[in-house]
């Protein structure tokens, strides 16, 4: 079972503070998702580096990055978090969702 809610509107703390663009329920659990554009990506070893524009923060369970043609979907877990360096998200390939 999968259900989702978009976040937004005036004074949305989830959107403004936590960067949550939508939430979904799966097996009774709630998960948060942030969606961002990206300009480039590359693989080095077991890592993926994804360049984007603007201020970066990540306080969600999942990150989806899109460039208009392609989307990269990543898990963000406490044991294997997506990291931020400058304008780049860095993640292990094991976080990639297909």
N, C-alpha and C. Protein backbone atom coordinates (compact mmCIF):
# COMPACT_ATOMS: atom_id res chain seq x y z
N UNK A 1 0.84 -1.18 0.00
CA UNK A 1 0.00 0.00 0.00
C UNK A 1 0.88 1.24 0.00
N UNK A 2 0.59 2.18 -0.88
CA UNK A 2 1.37 3.41 -1.00
C UNK A 2 0.42 4.58 -1.10
N UNK A 3 0.63 5.58 -0.28
CA UNK A 3 -0.18 6.79 -0.30
C UNK A 3 0.78 7.95 -0.13
N UNK A 4 0.45 9.13 -0.66
CA UNK A 4 1.35 10.27 -0.51
C UNK A 4 0.58 11.56 -0.30
N UNK A 5 1.27 12.54 0.28
CA UNK A 5 0.76 13.89 0.51
C UNK A 5 1.80 14.87 0.02
N UNK A 6 1.38 15.88 -0.75
CA UNK A 6 2.31 16.95 -1.10
C UNK A 6 2.33 17.94 0.05
N UNK A 7 3.46 18.61 0.20
CA UNK A 7 3.64 19.59 1.27
C UNK A 7 3.73 20.96 0.61
N UNK A 8 3.25 21.97 1.27
CA UNK A 8 3.39 23.31 0.70
C UNK A 8 2.34 24.22 1.26
N UNK A 9 2.12 25.30 0.56
CA UNK A 9 1.17 26.28 1.04
C UNK A 9 1.86 27.23 2.00
N UNK A 10 1.10 28.14 2.53
CA UNK A 10 1.67 29.12 3.44
C UNK A 10 2.12 28.48 4.74
N UNK A 11 3.26 28.96 5.22
CA UNK A 11 3.77 28.57 6.55
C UNK A 11 3.97 27.07 6.71
N UNK A 12 4.41 26.41 5.67
CA UNK A 12 4.69 24.98 5.77
C UNK A 12 6.07 24.78 6.40
N UNK A 13 6.08 24.36 7.67
CA UNK A 13 7.34 24.13 8.37
C UNK A 13 8.12 23.01 7.70
N UNK A 14 7.42 21.94 7.31
CA UNK A 14 8.12 20.83 6.65
C UNK A 14 8.85 21.29 5.40
N UNK A 15 8.23 22.14 4.59
CA UNK A 15 8.86 22.62 3.36
C UNK A 15 9.93 23.66 3.66
N UNK A 16 9.58 24.67 4.43
CA UNK A 16 10.49 25.79 4.65
C UNK A 16 11.70 25.45 5.51
N UNK A 17 11.51 24.66 6.52
CA UNK A 17 12.60 24.35 7.46
C UNK A 17 13.29 23.03 7.10
N UNK A 18 12.52 22.00 6.85
CA UNK A 18 13.08 20.67 6.64
C UNK A 18 13.28 20.28 5.19
N UNK A 19 12.79 21.08 4.23
CA UNK A 19 12.97 20.78 2.82
C UNK A 19 12.12 19.63 2.32
N UNK A 20 11.05 19.29 3.02
CA UNK A 20 10.19 18.18 2.64
C UNK A 20 9.26 18.63 1.51
N UNK A 21 9.33 17.96 0.36
CA UNK A 21 8.45 18.28 -0.75
C UNK A 21 7.20 17.41 -0.76
N UNK A 22 7.33 16.16 -0.33
CA UNK A 22 6.16 15.31 -0.13
C UNK A 22 6.48 14.18 0.82
N UNK A 23 5.42 13.57 1.31
CA UNK A 23 5.52 12.42 2.21
C UNK A 23 4.76 11.27 1.59
N UNK A 24 5.19 10.06 1.91
CA UNK A 24 4.41 8.90 1.50
C UNK A 24 4.36 7.89 2.63
N UNK A 25 3.31 7.08 2.60
CA UNK A 25 3.14 6.00 3.57
C UNK A 25 3.40 4.68 2.88
N UNK A 26 4.15 3.83 3.52
CA UNK A 26 4.40 2.49 3.02
C UNK A 26 4.37 1.54 4.20
N UNK A 27 3.50 0.56 4.15
CA UNK A 27 3.36 -0.42 5.25
C UNK A 27 3.16 0.27 6.60
N UNK A 28 2.37 1.34 6.61
CA UNK A 28 2.05 2.02 7.84
C UNK A 28 3.10 3.00 8.34
N UNK A 29 4.22 3.13 7.63
CA UNK A 29 5.28 4.06 8.02
C UNK A 29 5.28 5.28 7.11
N UNK A 30 5.56 6.45 7.68
CA UNK A 30 5.63 7.70 6.92
C UNK A 30 7.08 8.00 6.55
N UNK A 31 7.30 8.38 5.29
CA UNK A 31 8.63 8.73 4.79
C UNK A 31 8.57 10.10 4.13
N UNK A 32 9.68 10.85 4.22
CA UNK A 32 9.75 12.19 3.64
C UNK A 32 10.68 12.19 2.42
N UNK A 33 10.37 13.10 1.47
CA UNK A 33 11.12 13.17 0.21
C UNK A 33 11.42 14.63 -0.12
N UNK A 34 12.64 14.88 -0.56
CA UNK A 34 13.02 16.19 -1.09
C UNK A 34 13.35 16.02 -2.57
N UNK A 35 12.90 16.96 -3.40
CA UNK A 35 13.16 16.94 -4.84
C UNK A 35 13.97 18.18 -5.19
N UNK A 36 15.07 17.97 -5.93
CA UNK A 36 15.97 19.06 -6.32
C UNK A 36 16.38 18.87 -7.78
N UNK A 37 16.71 19.97 -8.46
CA UNK A 37 17.30 19.84 -9.79
C UNK A 37 18.79 19.48 -9.67
N UNK A 38 19.34 18.87 -10.73
CA UNK A 38 20.78 18.67 -10.75
C UNK A 38 21.32 19.05 -12.12
N UNK A 39 22.61 19.40 -12.17
CA UNK A 39 23.24 19.83 -13.42
C UNK A 39 24.22 18.80 -13.96
N UNK A 40 24.78 17.97 -13.08
CA UNK A 40 25.77 16.99 -13.53
C UNK A 40 25.95 15.94 -12.45
N UNK A 41 26.43 14.78 -12.85
CA UNK A 41 26.77 13.74 -11.86
C UNK A 41 27.89 12.88 -12.41
N UNK A 42 28.61 12.23 -11.50
CA UNK A 42 29.65 11.30 -11.90
C UNK A 42 29.86 10.27 -10.80
N UNK A 43 30.38 9.14 -11.22
CA UNK A 43 30.71 8.07 -10.28
C UNK A 43 32.23 8.05 -10.09
N UNK A 44 32.65 7.93 -8.84
CA UNK A 44 34.06 7.71 -8.53
C UNK A 44 34.08 6.60 -7.48
N UNK A 45 34.65 5.47 -7.87
CA UNK A 45 34.66 4.31 -6.98
C UNK A 45 33.25 3.89 -6.64
N UNK A 46 32.96 3.75 -5.35
CA UNK A 46 31.62 3.32 -4.93
C UNK A 46 30.73 4.50 -4.56
N UNK A 47 31.11 5.72 -4.98
CA UNK A 47 30.34 6.93 -4.66
C UNK A 47 29.76 7.56 -5.92
N UNK A 48 28.64 8.28 -5.73
CA UNK A 48 28.08 9.11 -6.79
C UNK A 48 28.11 10.55 -6.28
N UNK A 49 28.55 11.46 -7.15
CA UNK A 49 28.64 12.88 -6.86
C UNK A 49 27.64 13.59 -7.76
N UNK A 50 26.71 14.34 -7.17
CA UNK A 50 25.64 14.97 -7.93
C UNK A 50 25.67 16.46 -7.67
N UNK A 51 25.96 17.23 -8.74
CA UNK A 51 26.07 18.68 -8.63
C UNK A 51 24.71 19.32 -8.84
N UNK A 52 24.40 20.30 -7.98
CA UNK A 52 23.14 21.02 -8.07
C UNK A 52 23.39 22.49 -7.77
N UNK A 53 22.38 23.31 -7.94
CA UNK A 53 22.50 24.75 -7.70
C UNK A 53 21.69 25.12 -6.47
N UNK A 54 22.04 26.23 -5.85
CA UNK A 54 21.26 26.73 -4.73
C UNK A 54 21.76 26.20 -3.41
N UNK A 55 21.06 26.57 -2.35
CA UNK A 55 21.47 26.14 -1.01
C UNK A 55 21.04 24.69 -0.81
N UNK A 56 21.91 23.93 -0.19
CA UNK A 56 21.65 22.51 0.01
C UNK A 56 21.50 22.19 1.48
N UNK A 57 20.49 21.40 1.76
CA UNK A 57 20.31 20.80 3.08
C UNK A 57 19.53 19.52 2.83
N UNK A 58 19.58 18.62 3.77
CA UNK A 58 18.87 17.36 3.59
C UNK A 58 18.43 16.83 4.94
N UNK A 59 17.13 16.84 5.15
CA UNK A 59 16.54 16.33 6.39
C UNK A 59 15.40 15.38 6.06
N UNK A 60 15.54 14.62 4.99
CA UNK A 60 14.48 13.73 4.54
C UNK A 60 14.99 12.30 4.41
N UNK A 61 14.05 11.36 4.29
CA UNK A 61 14.40 9.94 4.12
C UNK A 61 14.89 9.63 2.71
N UNK A 62 14.41 10.40 1.72
CA UNK A 62 14.75 10.15 0.33
C UNK A 62 15.06 11.47 -0.37
N UNK A 63 15.92 11.41 -1.38
CA UNK A 63 16.28 12.56 -2.19
C UNK A 63 16.09 12.17 -3.65
N UNK A 64 15.35 12.99 -4.40
CA UNK A 64 15.18 12.78 -5.83
C UNK A 64 15.75 13.99 -6.54
N UNK A 65 16.70 13.76 -7.45
CA UNK A 65 17.34 14.82 -8.22
C UNK A 65 17.01 14.63 -9.69
N UNK A 66 16.53 15.69 -10.35
CA UNK A 66 16.12 15.58 -11.76
C UNK A 66 16.76 16.69 -12.58
N UNK A 67 17.07 16.37 -13.85
CA UNK A 67 17.63 17.37 -14.76
C UNK A 67 16.72 17.66 -15.95
N UNK A 68 15.47 17.24 -15.90
CA UNK A 68 14.54 17.44 -17.01
C UNK A 68 14.40 16.21 -17.89
N UNK A 69 15.42 15.37 -17.91
CA UNK A 69 15.38 14.13 -18.69
C UNK A 69 15.52 12.90 -17.79
N UNK A 70 16.36 13.02 -16.79
CA UNK A 70 16.68 11.89 -15.91
C UNK A 70 16.45 12.26 -14.45
N UNK A 71 16.18 11.25 -13.65
CA UNK A 71 16.05 11.43 -12.20
C UNK A 71 16.93 10.41 -11.50
N UNK A 72 17.58 10.87 -10.45
CA UNK A 72 18.40 10.03 -9.59
C UNK A 72 17.67 9.97 -8.24
N UNK A 73 17.39 8.76 -7.79
CA UNK A 73 16.66 8.57 -6.53
C UNK A 73 17.59 7.93 -5.51
N UNK A 74 17.69 8.57 -4.33
CA UNK A 74 18.59 8.10 -3.29
C UNK A 74 17.88 7.91 -1.96
N UNK A 75 18.25 6.86 -1.24
CA UNK A 75 17.87 6.67 0.14
C UNK A 75 18.79 7.52 0.99
N UNK A 76 18.29 8.06 2.10
CA UNK A 76 19.12 8.80 3.04
C UNK A 76 18.84 8.24 4.42
N UNK A 77 19.74 7.40 4.91
CA UNK A 77 19.53 6.73 6.20
C UNK A 77 20.58 7.18 7.21
N UNK A 78 20.28 7.10 8.48
CA UNK A 78 21.28 7.47 9.50
C UNK A 78 22.56 6.64 9.39
N UNK A 79 22.44 5.38 9.01
CA UNK A 79 23.63 4.53 8.93
C UNK A 79 24.43 4.73 7.65
N UNK A 80 23.81 5.35 6.63
CA UNK A 80 24.49 5.59 5.35
C UNK A 80 23.94 6.89 4.75
N UNK A 81 24.23 8.03 5.39
CA UNK A 81 23.61 9.29 4.96
C UNK A 81 24.20 9.85 3.66
N UNK A 82 23.37 10.59 2.94
CA UNK A 82 23.83 11.39 1.81
C UNK A 82 24.55 12.59 2.43
N UNK A 83 25.73 12.89 1.92
CA UNK A 83 26.51 14.01 2.47
C UNK A 83 26.45 15.20 1.50
N UNK A 84 26.78 16.37 2.01
CA UNK A 84 26.78 17.59 1.21
C UNK A 84 28.16 18.22 1.33
N UNK A 85 28.73 18.57 0.17
CA UNK A 85 29.99 19.32 0.14
C UNK A 85 29.83 20.41 -0.91
N UNK A 86 29.76 21.66 -0.45
CA UNK A 86 29.54 22.77 -1.38
C UNK A 86 28.20 22.63 -2.06
N UNK A 87 28.20 22.56 -3.39
CA UNK A 87 26.95 22.41 -4.15
C UNK A 87 26.80 20.98 -4.69
N UNK A 88 27.35 20.01 -3.95
CA UNK A 88 27.34 18.62 -4.40
C UNK A 88 26.80 17.69 -3.32
N UNK A 89 25.89 16.82 -3.73
CA UNK A 89 25.46 15.72 -2.88
C UNK A 89 26.39 14.54 -3.16
N UNK A 90 26.83 13.86 -2.11
CA UNK A 90 27.70 12.70 -2.24
C UNK A 90 27.04 11.53 -1.54
N UNK A 91 26.92 10.41 -2.26
CA UNK A 91 26.28 9.25 -1.68
C UNK A 91 26.99 7.98 -2.14
N UNK A 92 26.85 6.94 -1.36
CA UNK A 92 27.35 5.64 -1.81
C UNK A 92 26.38 5.08 -2.84
N UNK A 93 26.90 4.30 -3.76
CA UNK A 93 26.05 3.69 -4.80
C UNK A 93 24.98 2.80 -4.18
N UNK A 94 25.22 2.28 -2.99
CA UNK A 94 24.23 1.39 -2.36
C UNK A 94 22.94 2.14 -2.00
N UNK A 95 22.97 3.48 -1.96
CA UNK A 95 21.76 4.26 -1.69
C UNK A 95 20.91 4.50 -2.94
N UNK A 96 21.43 4.19 -4.12
CA UNK A 96 20.69 4.41 -5.37
C UNK A 96 19.48 3.49 -5.46
N UNK A 97 18.36 4.05 -5.86
CA UNK A 97 17.14 3.29 -6.10
C UNK A 97 16.87 3.24 -7.59
N UNK A 98 16.47 2.10 -8.07
CA UNK A 98 16.20 1.97 -9.51
C UNK A 98 14.74 1.86 -9.77
